[in-house]
Every structure is written in structure tokens, then in C-alpha cells.
Amino acid sequence: MGGINLAEVLLNEMVILDCEPFKDKEDMFDAMTRKFEEAGFVSDAKAYKEALEYRETLGPTYMGNFVAIPHGKCKEVIKPGIGFCRCKDSFIYESAGESGEVKYIFVLAISDNQANDYHLRVLATLAGMLAHDEFLELLGTAESYEDLIHGISNM
């Protein structure tokens, strides 16, 4: 597939498989921004969460098919990349007036100094892959970061 190689931007430290479902989107934002900060990809979890929340005001990040792709762009992103979280069960994700059940969350950390279209290319690549049943199946069955990367590389 053209565009960005997701295997290169999916961060090993930021892949969480089979976590308990979040209470809501805010709960998920809190957990993921803290994790980005603890892993050293973001210097300030609060500022990054504010960037995620700002992006939510611009339009929905709920994609259907149990998938959400929240993303935030700010100067506090030290190392850009993607986190992925798979919940054991779905939770209701509300985004810009839309809501649905979500189990698979891709969280993008975008730094201010990245090329303006970089995150759009990542989103386009991700959206293209999400259109394939094999990719959705991989999200549900991968047992490790390596399984995810191997599956992505073979699509």
C-alpha cells in the first residue's frame, strides 16, 4: 500500500493488547497520554491531551467498525508515532456528535515540526487498511506487537 509504512510508526512501547474497556473517551485519553509521557514520546501528557481534545472539536475521530483514531499535534510530542490499544470489550466513544462502540484505538502523536501532510498520509494509510477485513481481523487476533507488525507488513 502506498503512503506511510505503519510498521515504522507503530510504537512497540505504545501497543496495549486486551486491556479492560475504558469508562469513556476521557478515561482513554488520560491513560494513553500518560503512557506516551512515561515512554518518553511526549514531554507533557496534559498538553498532549489538550491537543487531542482540540482535534475532537474539529470533527469525529470515531471511524465505525469498533475503531477510533484520535490524534493530537503539539510541540510537546518529542517522538511522533502511533499507539494502539485493543480493549477486551467495547466502550461507547463519543466524538464530535457521533458515538459508537469502540474496541480498537489508534492514537497518533504528531509533533509541531512535522511536515503538514505527514499525519494526513498516516491517517490515509490507516483508513485504507481499515477498509480491509483482513486488517480488522488482525487487530482482533494479534497476540503481540510482533504479530501486528508482521501482519501489517504482509498486507
Foldseek 3Di string as FASTA:
>chain_A
DDFDQQLVFEDQQQEAEADAEAQEPVRVLVVNLVSCCVVPQFVDSVVQSVQQVVVLQVDAQDDPPQEGEGEGEEQRGNHWGKHKFFHNFWYWYDGNRDIDTHGIYIYTYHYPPDPPCNVVSVVVVVVVLVVDPQLSVQSVDPPHSVSNSVSSVVD
